[in-house]
Amino acid sequence: MIQGHEDGNGDLTGPNPVDRGKYGSKIHLITERTGLPLSVGISGANLHDSQALEPLVRGIPPIRSRRGPRRRRPAKLHADKGYDYDHLRQWLRGRGITHRIARRGIESSTRLGRHHWTIERTMSWLAGCRRLHRRYERKADHFLAFASIACTLICYRRLAK
């Protein structure tokens, strides 16, 4: 969760439900298996995470493979209980994406732990960028641009090793 402007005049900010109603933004992220960011988005702090899944999946660019055509969609998607909705499962199935979404009230969160840590690690890499720690920009496009630059730096540092 990124804390935004106190006056609430910025784009894509909303009252944070866990921080006394201060305005803030969320960064949403899809990564590949090793933690490299594929798609990034932002929203107001009061938007439920499940509403950001479809735009994020649509935002994944075509990925070049060594053989064959470019891949336009991921083969599999892991998600936590916040994405456990039938319409999301049907939408992913319609796009030909195998999903592994934890079910609310049935499964424990520990089963996805071996996949969930890659997202948490990438989010901690993003939190290391001072410009993203506190939102200074009023325009959402500017904040999204800084988040994209941070994701690009993560990819560069990871691939330069």
N, C-alpha and C. Protein backbone atom coordinates (compact mmCIF):
# COMPACT_ATOMS: atom_id res chain seq x y z
N MET A 1 0.84 -1.17 0.00
CA MET A 1 0.00 0.00 0.00
C MET A 1 0.89 1.23 0.00
N ILE A 2 0.62 2.15 -0.88
CA ILE A 2 1.38 3.38 -0.99
C ILE A 2 0.51 4.52 -0.49
N GLN A 3 1.04 5.29 0.43
CA GLN A 3 0.27 6.41 0.95
C GLN A 3 0.32 7.55 -0.05
N GLY A 4 -0.82 8.14 -0.34
CA GLY A 4 -0.91 9.20 -1.34
C GLY A 4 -1.03 10.57 -0.71
N HIS A 5 -1.62 11.47 -1.47
CA HIS A 5 -1.80 12.84 -1.01
C HIS A 5 -2.80 12.89 0.12
N GLU A 6 -2.55 13.78 1.06
CA GLU A 6 -3.46 13.92 2.19
C GLU A 6 -4.79 14.55 1.77
N ASP A 7 -4.76 15.42 0.76
CA ASP A 7 -5.98 16.11 0.39
C ASP A 7 -6.86 15.30 -0.57
N GLY A 8 -6.34 14.23 -1.15
CA GLY A 8 -7.14 13.37 -1.99
C GLY A 8 -7.37 13.90 -3.39
N ASN A 9 -6.60 14.87 -3.84
CA ASN A 9 -6.80 15.42 -5.17
C ASN A 9 -6.12 14.62 -6.26
N GLY A 10 -5.30 13.65 -5.95
CA GLY A 10 -4.60 12.88 -6.96
C GLY A 10 -5.50 11.89 -7.67
N ASP A 11 -5.14 11.54 -8.89
CA ASP A 11 -5.87 10.51 -9.64
C ASP A 11 -5.58 9.14 -9.02
N LEU A 12 -6.56 8.27 -9.12
CA LEU A 12 -6.45 6.89 -8.64
C LEU A 12 -5.97 6.80 -7.20
N THR A 13 -6.56 7.61 -6.34
CA THR A 13 -6.34 7.47 -4.91
C THR A 13 -7.70 7.22 -4.28
N GLY A 14 -7.68 6.64 -3.12
CA GLY A 14 -8.92 6.38 -2.42
C GLY A 14 -8.67 6.24 -0.95
N PRO A 15 -9.72 6.33 -0.12
CA PRO A 15 -9.52 6.20 1.31
C PRO A 15 -9.06 4.79 1.67
N ASN A 16 -7.96 4.73 2.37
CA ASN A 16 -7.38 3.46 2.77
C ASN A 16 -8.21 2.86 3.90
N PRO A 17 -8.75 1.65 3.72
CA PRO A 17 -9.62 1.09 4.76
C PRO A 17 -8.88 0.69 6.03
N VAL A 18 -7.56 0.57 6.01
CA VAL A 18 -6.84 0.14 7.20
C VAL A 18 -5.95 1.24 7.79
N ASP A 19 -5.95 2.42 7.21
CA ASP A 19 -5.06 3.48 7.68
C ASP A 19 -5.85 4.76 7.97
N ARG A 20 -6.90 4.64 8.80
CA ARG A 20 -7.70 5.77 9.26
C ARG A 20 -8.25 6.61 8.11
N GLY A 21 -8.51 6.02 6.97
CA GLY A 21 -9.13 6.72 5.86
C GLY A 21 -8.22 7.67 5.10
N LYS A 22 -6.91 7.59 5.32
CA LYS A 22 -5.99 8.42 4.54
C LYS A 22 -6.02 7.97 3.10
N TYR A 23 -5.85 8.92 2.20
CA TYR A 23 -5.87 8.58 0.78
C TYR A 23 -4.57 7.90 0.40
N GLY A 24 -4.67 6.89 -0.46
CA GLY A 24 -3.50 6.15 -0.87
C GLY A 24 -3.75 5.40 -2.16
N SER A 25 -2.71 4.73 -2.63
CA SER A 25 -2.76 3.96 -3.87
C SER A 25 -2.20 2.58 -3.63
N LYS A 26 -2.59 1.65 -4.49
CA LYS A 26 -2.05 0.29 -4.46
C LYS A 26 -1.29 0.05 -5.76
N ILE A 27 -0.24 -0.72 -5.67
CA ILE A 27 0.47 -1.18 -6.85
C ILE A 27 0.11 -2.65 -7.04
N HIS A 28 -0.39 -2.99 -8.22
CA HIS A 28 -0.74 -4.37 -8.56
C HIS A 28 0.32 -4.89 -9.51
N LEU A 29 0.66 -6.17 -9.38
CA LEU A 29 1.80 -6.70 -10.11
C LEU A 29 1.57 -8.15 -10.50
N ILE A 30 1.97 -8.49 -11.72
CA ILE A 30 2.04 -9.88 -12.17
C ILE A 30 3.49 -10.14 -12.54
N THR A 31 4.05 -11.23 -11.99
CA THR A 31 5.43 -11.58 -12.28
C THR A 31 5.48 -12.95 -12.92
N GLU A 32 6.62 -13.23 -13.53
CA GLU A 32 6.82 -14.59 -14.01
C GLU A 32 7.41 -15.41 -12.86
N ARG A 33 7.74 -16.65 -13.12
CA ARG A 33 8.09 -17.59 -12.06
C ARG A 33 9.25 -17.14 -11.18
N THR A 34 10.24 -16.48 -11.76
CA THR A 34 11.41 -16.09 -10.97
C THR A 34 11.28 -14.71 -10.34
N GLY A 35 10.20 -13.99 -10.59
CA GLY A 35 9.97 -12.71 -9.95
C GLY A 35 10.17 -11.50 -10.84
N LEU A 36 10.42 -11.69 -12.13
CA LEU A 36 10.55 -10.55 -13.04
C LEU A 36 9.16 -10.00 -13.34
N PRO A 37 8.96 -8.70 -13.19
CA PRO A 37 7.63 -8.12 -13.43
C PRO A 37 7.22 -8.22 -14.89
N LEU A 38 5.99 -8.64 -15.13
CA LEU A 38 5.44 -8.71 -16.49
C LEU A 38 4.44 -7.60 -16.74
N SER A 39 3.63 -7.30 -15.73
CA SER A 39 2.59 -6.29 -15.88
C SER A 39 2.43 -5.57 -14.55
N VAL A 40 2.28 -4.25 -14.62
CA VAL A 40 2.13 -3.45 -13.40
C VAL A 40 0.96 -2.49 -13.59
N GLY A 41 0.25 -2.23 -12.50
CA GLY A 41 -0.87 -1.29 -12.53
C GLY A 41 -1.04 -0.65 -11.17
N ILE A 42 -1.79 0.44 -11.13
CA ILE A 42 -2.06 1.11 -9.87
C ILE A 42 -3.57 1.34 -9.74
N SER A 43 -4.02 1.50 -8.52
CA SER A 43 -5.43 1.79 -8.26
C SER A 43 -5.53 2.52 -6.93
N GLY A 44 -6.73 2.96 -6.61
CA GLY A 44 -6.98 3.57 -5.32
C GLY A 44 -6.89 2.53 -4.22
N ALA A 45 -6.63 2.97 -3.01
CA ALA A 45 -6.46 2.05 -1.89
C ALA A 45 -7.76 1.33 -1.54
N ASN A 46 -8.90 1.88 -1.94
CA ASN A 46 -10.18 1.26 -1.58
C ASN A 46 -10.70 0.31 -2.66
N LEU A 47 -9.97 0.06 -3.72
CA LEU A 47 -10.39 -0.87 -4.76
C LEU A 47 -9.97 -2.29 -4.38
N HIS A 48 -10.88 -3.23 -4.53
CA HIS A 48 -10.57 -4.62 -4.20
C HIS A 48 -9.58 -5.17 -5.22
N ASP A 49 -8.67 -6.02 -4.75
CA ASP A 49 -7.62 -6.57 -5.61
C ASP A 49 -8.17 -7.35 -6.80
N SER A 50 -9.30 -8.00 -6.63
CA SER A 50 -9.85 -8.84 -7.70
C SER A 50 -10.23 -8.03 -8.93
N GLN A 51 -10.55 -6.75 -8.76
CA GLN A 51 -10.94 -5.91 -9.89
C GLN A 51 -9.75 -5.53 -10.76
N ALA A 52 -8.54 -5.73 -10.29
CA ALA A 52 -7.36 -5.37 -11.07
C ALA A 52 -6.79 -6.54 -11.86
N LEU A 53 -7.33 -7.74 -11.69
CA LEU A 53 -6.74 -8.91 -12.35
C LEU A 53 -6.89 -8.87 -13.86
N GLU A 54 -8.07 -8.58 -14.36
CA GLU A 54 -8.28 -8.59 -15.81
C GLU A 54 -7.41 -7.56 -16.53
N PRO A 55 -7.34 -6.29 -16.09
CA PRO A 55 -6.45 -5.36 -16.78
C PRO A 55 -4.98 -5.76 -16.72
N LEU A 56 -4.57 -6.39 -15.62
CA LEU A 56 -3.17 -6.82 -15.52
C LEU A 56 -2.86 -7.94 -16.50
N VAL A 57 -3.77 -8.90 -16.60
CA VAL A 57 -3.53 -10.02 -17.53
C VAL A 57 -3.56 -9.52 -18.97
N ARG A 58 -4.46 -8.59 -19.27
CA ARG A 58 -4.49 -8.01 -20.63
C ARG A 58 -3.23 -7.21 -20.93
N GLY A 59 -2.59 -6.68 -19.89
CA GLY A 59 -1.40 -5.85 -20.08
C GLY A 59 -0.10 -6.62 -20.24
N ILE A 60 -0.15 -7.94 -20.16
CA ILE A 60 1.08 -8.73 -20.33
C ILE A 60 1.48 -8.66 -21.80
N PRO A 61 2.70 -8.19 -22.08
CA PRO A 61 3.12 -8.08 -23.48
C PRO A 61 3.44 -9.45 -24.07
N PRO A 62 3.42 -9.56 -25.41
CA PRO A 62 3.83 -10.82 -26.03
C PRO A 62 5.28 -11.13 -25.69
N ILE A 63 5.55 -12.37 -25.33
CA ILE A 63 6.88 -12.78 -24.90
C ILE A 63 7.51 -13.62 -25.99
N ARG A 64 8.70 -13.24 -26.39
CA ARG A 64 9.42 -13.97 -27.43
C ARG A 64 9.99 -15.25 -26.83
N SER A 65 9.80 -16.34 -27.54
CA SER A 65 10.37 -17.61 -27.12
C SER A 65 11.45 -18.03 -28.12
N ARG A 66 12.25 -19.00 -27.72
CA ARG A 66 13.34 -19.42 -28.59
C ARG A 66 12.83 -20.08 -29.86
N ARG A 67 11.77 -20.82 -29.71
CA ARG A 67 11.18 -21.48 -30.88
C ARG A 67 9.70 -21.16 -30.95
N GLY A 68 9.19 -21.02 -32.14
CA GLY A 68 7.76 -20.82 -32.32
C GLY A 68 7.35 -19.37 -32.21
N PRO A 69 6.05 -19.14 -32.27
CA PRO A 69 5.54 -17.76 -32.21
C PRO A 69 5.64 -17.19 -30.81
N ARG A 70 5.40 -15.90 -30.70
CA ARG A 70 5.42 -15.24 -29.40
C ARG A 70 4.25 -15.72 -28.56
N ARG A 71 4.50 -15.88 -27.27
CA ARG A 71 3.43 -16.27 -26.35
C ARG A 71 2.65 -15.04 -25.97
N ARG A 72 1.36 -15.08 -26.11
CA ARG A 72 0.51 -13.93 -25.83
C ARG A 72 -0.19 -14.04 -24.48
N ARG A 73 -0.06 -15.14 -23.79
CA ARG A 73 -0.71 -15.33 -22.51
C ARG A 73 0.13 -16.27 -21.66
N PRO A 74 0.01 -16.17 -20.35
CA PRO A 74 0.72 -17.12 -19.50
C PRO A 74 0.06 -18.49 -19.56
N ALA A 75 0.81 -19.53 -19.28
CA ALA A 75 0.24 -20.87 -19.26
C ALA A 75 -0.51 -21.12 -17.96
N LYS A 76 -0.02 -20.55 -16.85
CA LYS A 76 -0.61 -20.81 -15.55
C LYS A 76 -0.56 -19.54 -14.72
N LEU A 77 -1.56 -19.38 -13.85
CA LEU A 77 -1.62 -18.20 -12.99
C LEU A 77 -1.94 -18.65 -11.57
N HIS A 78 -1.09 -18.25 -10.63
CA HIS A 78 -1.32 -18.55 -9.21
C HIS A 78 -1.82 -17.27 -8.55
N ALA A 79 -2.82 -17.40 -7.70
CA ALA A 79 -3.38 -16.23 -7.01
C ALA A 79 -3.86 -16.65 -5.63
N ASP A 80 -3.95 -15.66 -4.74
CA ASP A 80 -4.40 -15.95 -3.38
C ASP A 80 -5.92 -15.84 -3.27
N LYS A 81 -6.43 -15.92 -2.07
CA LYS A 81 -7.87 -15.97 -1.84
C LYS A 81 -8.61 -14.70 -2.24
N GLY A 82 -7.92 -13.60 -2.38
CA GLY A 82 -8.56 -12.36 -2.79
C GLY A 82 -9.11 -12.41 -4.21
N TYR A 83 -8.69 -13.38 -4.99
CA TYR A 83 -9.12 -13.51 -6.38
C TYR A 83 -10.07 -14.68 -6.57
N ASP A 84 -10.62 -15.22 -5.50
CA ASP A 84 -11.49 -16.39 -5.56
C ASP A 84 -12.92 -15.97 -5.90
N TYR A 85 -13.17 -15.74 -7.17
CA TYR A 85 -14.49 -15.40 -7.68
C TYR A 85 -14.75 -16.21 -8.94
N ASP A 86 -15.99 -16.66 -9.10
CA ASP A 86 -16.32 -17.50 -10.25
C ASP A 86 -16.13 -16.77 -11.57
N HIS A 87 -16.47 -15.48 -11.63
CA HIS A 87 -16.34 -14.76 -12.90
C HIS A 87 -14.88 -14.63 -13.31
N LEU A 88 -13.95 -14.53 -12.35
CA LEU A 88 -12.53 -14.48 -12.70
C LEU A 88 -12.03 -15.84 -13.17
N ARG A 89 -12.50 -16.89 -12.51
CA ARG A 89 -12.12 -18.24 -12.95
C ARG A 89 -12.62 -18.51 -14.37
N GLN A 90 -13.86 -18.12 -14.66
CA GLN A 90 -14.40 -18.33 -16.00
C GLN A 90 -13.66 -17.48 -17.03
N TRP A 91 -13.33 -16.25 -16.67
CA TRP A 91 -12.62 -15.37 -17.60
C TRP A 91 -11.24 -15.93 -17.93
N LEU A 92 -10.52 -16.44 -16.93
CA LEU A 92 -9.21 -17.05 -17.16
C LEU A 92 -9.34 -18.32 -18.00
N ARG A 93 -10.35 -19.13 -17.69
CA ARG A 93 -10.57 -20.35 -18.45
C ARG A 93 -10.90 -20.04 -19.91
N GLY A 94 -11.67 -18.98 -20.14
CA GLY A 94 -12.01 -18.57 -21.50
C GLY A 94 -10.80 -18.10 -22.30
N ARG A 95 -9.81 -17.57 -21.63
CA ARG A 95 -8.58 -17.14 -22.30
C ARG A 95 -7.57 -18.26 -22.43
N GLY A 96 -7.89 -19.44 -21.90
CA GLY A 96 -6.99 -20.58 -22.00
C GLY A 96 -5.87 -20.56 -20.98
N ILE A 97 -6.08 -19.89 -19.85
CA ILE A 97 -5.07 -19.80 -18.81
C ILE A 97 -5.46 -20.74 -17.68
N THR A 98 -4.56 -21.66 -17.34
CA THR A 98 -4.79 -22.55 -16.21
C THR A 98 -4.61 -21.74 -14.93
N HIS A 99 -5.60 -21.80 -14.05
CA HIS A 99 -5.52 -21.01 -12.82
C HIS A 99 -5.37 -21.91 -11.62
N ARG A 100 -4.68 -21.40 -10.62
CA ARG A 100 -4.58 -22.06 -9.32
C ARG A 100 -4.85 -20.98 -8.28
N ILE A 101 -6.13 -20.84 -7.94
CA ILE A 101 -6.58 -19.82 -7.01
C ILE A 101 -7.06 -20.50 -5.74
N ALA A 102 -6.51 -20.07 -4.61
CA ALA A 102 -6.92 -20.64 -3.32
C ALA A 102 -8.39 -20.31 -3.07
N ARG A 103 -9.12 -21.28 -2.53
CA ARG A 103 -10.55 -21.09 -2.27
C ARG A 103 -10.77 -20.61 -0.85
N ARG A 104 -11.63 -19.61 -0.72
CA ARG A 104 -11.94 -19.05 0.60
C ARG A 104 -12.71 -20.05 1.44
N GLY A 105 -12.29 -20.18 2.69
CA GLY A 105 -12.99 -21.05 3.63
C GLY A 105 -12.71 -22.52 3.46
N ILE A 106 -11.97 -22.92 2.43
CA ILE A 106 -11.72 -24.34 2.18
C ILE A 106 -10.23 -24.67 2.33
N GLU A 107 -9.39 -23.88 1.66
CA GLU A 107 -7.96 -24.17 1.66
C GLU A 107 -7.22 -23.18 2.55
N SER A 108 -6.10 -23.64 3.07
CA SER A 108 -5.27 -22.73 3.85
C SER A 108 -4.36 -21.97 2.90
N SER A 109 -3.90 -20.84 3.35
CA SER A 109 -3.04 -19.99 2.52
C SER A 109 -1.63 -20.56 2.38
N THR A 110 -1.28 -21.56 3.17
CA THR A 110 0.08 -22.07 3.14
C THR A 110 0.39 -22.88 1.89
N ARG A 111 -0.62 -23.39 1.20
CA ARG A 111 -0.36 -24.19 0.00
C ARG A 111 0.21 -23.37 -1.13
N LEU A 112 -0.17 -22.08 -1.20
CA LEU A 112 0.36 -21.22 -2.24
C LEU A 112 1.65 -20.52 -1.82
N GLY A 113 2.12 -20.80 -0.62
CA GLY A 113 3.30 -20.13 -0.09
C GLY A 113 4.53 -20.29 -0.95
N ARG A 114 4.70 -21.44 -1.60
CA ARG A 114 5.89 -21.66 -2.42
C ARG A 114 5.87 -20.82 -3.69
N HIS A 115 4.70 -20.31 -4.09
CA HIS A 115 4.61 -19.44 -5.26
C HIS A 115 4.43 -17.99 -4.85
N HIS A 116 3.82 -17.75 -3.70
CA HIS A 116 3.48 -16.39 -3.27
C HIS A 116 4.72 -15.57 -2.89
N TRP A 117 5.78 -16.22 -2.47
CA TRP A 117 6.95 -15.48 -2.02
C TRP A 117 7.61 -14.72 -3.16
N THR A 118 7.45 -15.16 -4.41
CA THR A 118 8.07 -14.43 -5.52
C THR A 118 7.42 -13.05 -5.69
N ILE A 119 6.12 -12.98 -5.52
CA ILE A 119 5.43 -11.68 -5.60
C ILE A 119 5.85 -10.80 -4.44
N GLU A 120 5.89 -11.37 -3.24
CA GLU A 120 6.27 -10.58 -2.07
C GLU A 120 7.69 -10.06 -2.20
N ARG A 121 8.59 -10.87 -2.74
CA ARG A 121 9.97 -10.42 -2.93
C ARG A 121 10.05 -9.29 -3.94
N THR A 122 9.32 -9.40 -5.03
CA THR A 122 9.32 -8.35 -6.04
C THR A 122 8.70 -7.07 -5.48
N MET A 123 7.64 -7.20 -4.68
CA MET A 123 7.05 -6.02 -4.06
C MET A 123 8.03 -5.37 -3.08
N SER A 124 8.85 -6.16 -2.41
CA SER A 124 9.84 -5.56 -1.52
C SER A 124 10.93 -4.87 -2.32
N TRP A 125 11.28 -5.38 -3.50
CA TRP A 125 12.22 -4.68 -4.38
C TRP A 125 11.63 -3.34 -4.81
N LEU A 126 10.34 -3.32 -5.12
CA LEU A 126 9.68 -2.06 -5.48
C LEU A 126 9.63 -1.10 -4.29
N ALA A 127 9.45 -1.64 -3.10
CA ALA A 127 9.39 -0.78 -1.91
C ALA A 127 10.75 -0.13 -1.64
N GLY A 128 11.81 -0.71 -2.16
CA GLY A 128 13.13 -0.12 -2.00
C GLY A 128 13.33 1.13 -2.84
N CYS A 129 12.44 1.38 -3.78
CA CYS A 129 12.52 2.60 -4.60
C CYS A 129 11.85 3.73 -3.83
N ARG A 130 12.63 4.72 -3.47
CA ARG A 130 12.13 5.78 -2.61
C ARG A 130 10.98 6.55 -3.24
N ARG A 131 11.01 6.68 -4.55
CA ARG A 131 9.97 7.45 -5.23
C ARG A 131 8.61 6.76 -5.13
N LEU A 132 8.60 5.46 -4.94
CA LEU A 132 7.35 4.71 -4.86
C LEU A 132 6.88 4.53 -3.42
N HIS A 133 7.76 4.79 -2.46
CA HIS A 133 7.40 4.58 -1.07
C HIS A 133 6.29 5.54 -0.63
N ARG A 134 6.35 6.75 -1.09
CA ARG A 134 5.32 7.74 -0.80
C ARG A 134 4.95 8.38 -2.13
N ARG A 135 3.68 8.49 -2.41
CA ARG A 135 3.25 9.03 -3.70
C ARG A 135 3.27 10.55 -3.68
N TYR A 136 4.14 11.13 -4.50
CA TYR A 136 4.27 12.58 -4.59
C TYR A 136 3.51 13.14 -5.79
N GLU A 137 3.25 12.33 -6.80
CA GLU A 137 2.64 12.78 -8.04
C GLU A 137 1.13 12.84 -7.90
N ARG A 138 0.55 13.88 -8.43
CA ARG A 138 -0.91 13.98 -8.42
C ARG A 138 -1.52 13.18 -9.56
N LYS A 139 -0.85 13.12 -10.68
CA LYS A 139 -1.39 12.41 -11.84
C LYS A 139 -1.03 10.93 -11.77
N ALA A 140 -2.02 10.09 -12.02
CA ALA A 140 -1.81 8.65 -11.96
C ALA A 140 -0.84 8.18 -13.03
N ASP A 141 -0.86 8.82 -14.20
CA ASP A 141 0.06 8.44 -15.28
C ASP A 141 1.51 8.61 -14.87
N HIS A 142 1.81 9.66 -14.13
CA HIS A 142 3.18 9.89 -13.69
C HIS A 142 3.61 8.84 -12.66
N PHE A 143 2.71 8.51 -11.73
CA PHE A 143 3.04 7.50 -10.73
C PHE A 143 3.21 6.13 -11.39
N LEU A 144 2.36 5.82 -12.36
CA LEU A 144 2.49 4.55 -13.08
C LEU A 144 3.80 4.52 -13.87
N ALA A 145 4.22 5.66 -14.41
CA ALA A 145 5.49 5.71 -15.14
C ALA A 145 6.66 5.42 -14.20
N PHE A 146 6.64 5.97 -12.99
CA PHE A 146 7.71 5.69 -12.04
C PHE A 146 7.70 4.22 -11.61
N ALA A 147 6.52 3.64 -11.45
CA ALA A 147 6.42 2.22 -11.11
C ALA A 147 6.96 1.37 -12.25
N SER A 148 6.69 1.76 -13.49
CA SER A 148 7.21 1.03 -14.65
C SER A 148 8.72 1.14 -14.74
N ILE A 149 9.26 2.32 -14.46
CA ILE A 149 10.71 2.49 -14.46
C ILE A 149 11.34 1.61 -13.39
N ALA A 150 10.72 1.53 -12.22
CA ALA A 150 11.24 0.68 -11.15
C ALA A 150 11.22 -0.79 -11.57
N CYS A 151 10.15 -1.22 -12.26
CA CYS A 151 10.09 -2.60 -12.75
C CYS A 151 11.15 -2.85 -13.80
N THR A 152 11.42 -1.86 -14.65
CA THR A 152 12.47 -1.99 -15.65
C THR A 152 13.83 -2.13 -14.98
N LEU A 153 14.07 -1.36 -13.93
CA LEU A 153 15.34 -1.48 -13.20
C LEU A 153 15.48 -2.84 -12.53
N ILE A 154 14.38 -3.37 -12.01
CA ILE A 154 14.41 -4.71 -11.41
C ILE A 154 14.80 -5.74 -12.47
N CYS A 155 14.19 -5.64 -13.64
CA CYS A 155 14.51 -6.58 -14.72
C CYS A 155 15.98 -6.44 -15.15
N TYR A 156 16.44 -5.20 -15.27
CA TYR A 156 17.82 -4.98 -15.70
C TYR A 156 18.81 -5.54 -14.69
N ARG A 157 18.59 -5.26 -13.41
CA ARG A 157 19.51 -5.75 -12.37
C ARG A 157 19.49 -7.27 -12.31
N ARG A 158 18.34 -7.85 -12.50
CA ARG A 158 18.21 -9.30 -12.43
C ARG A 158 18.86 -9.97 -13.62
N LEU A 159 18.70 -9.40 -14.81
CA LEU A 159 19.26 -10.03 -16.01
C LEU A 159 20.73 -9.71 -16.21
N ALA A 160 21.23 -8.65 -15.55
CA ALA A 160 22.65 -8.28 -15.69
C ALA A 160 23.55 -9.15 -14.82
N LYS A 161 22.99 -9.93 -13.91
CA LYS A 161 23.81 -10.78 -13.02
C LYS A 161 24.56 -11.82 -13.80
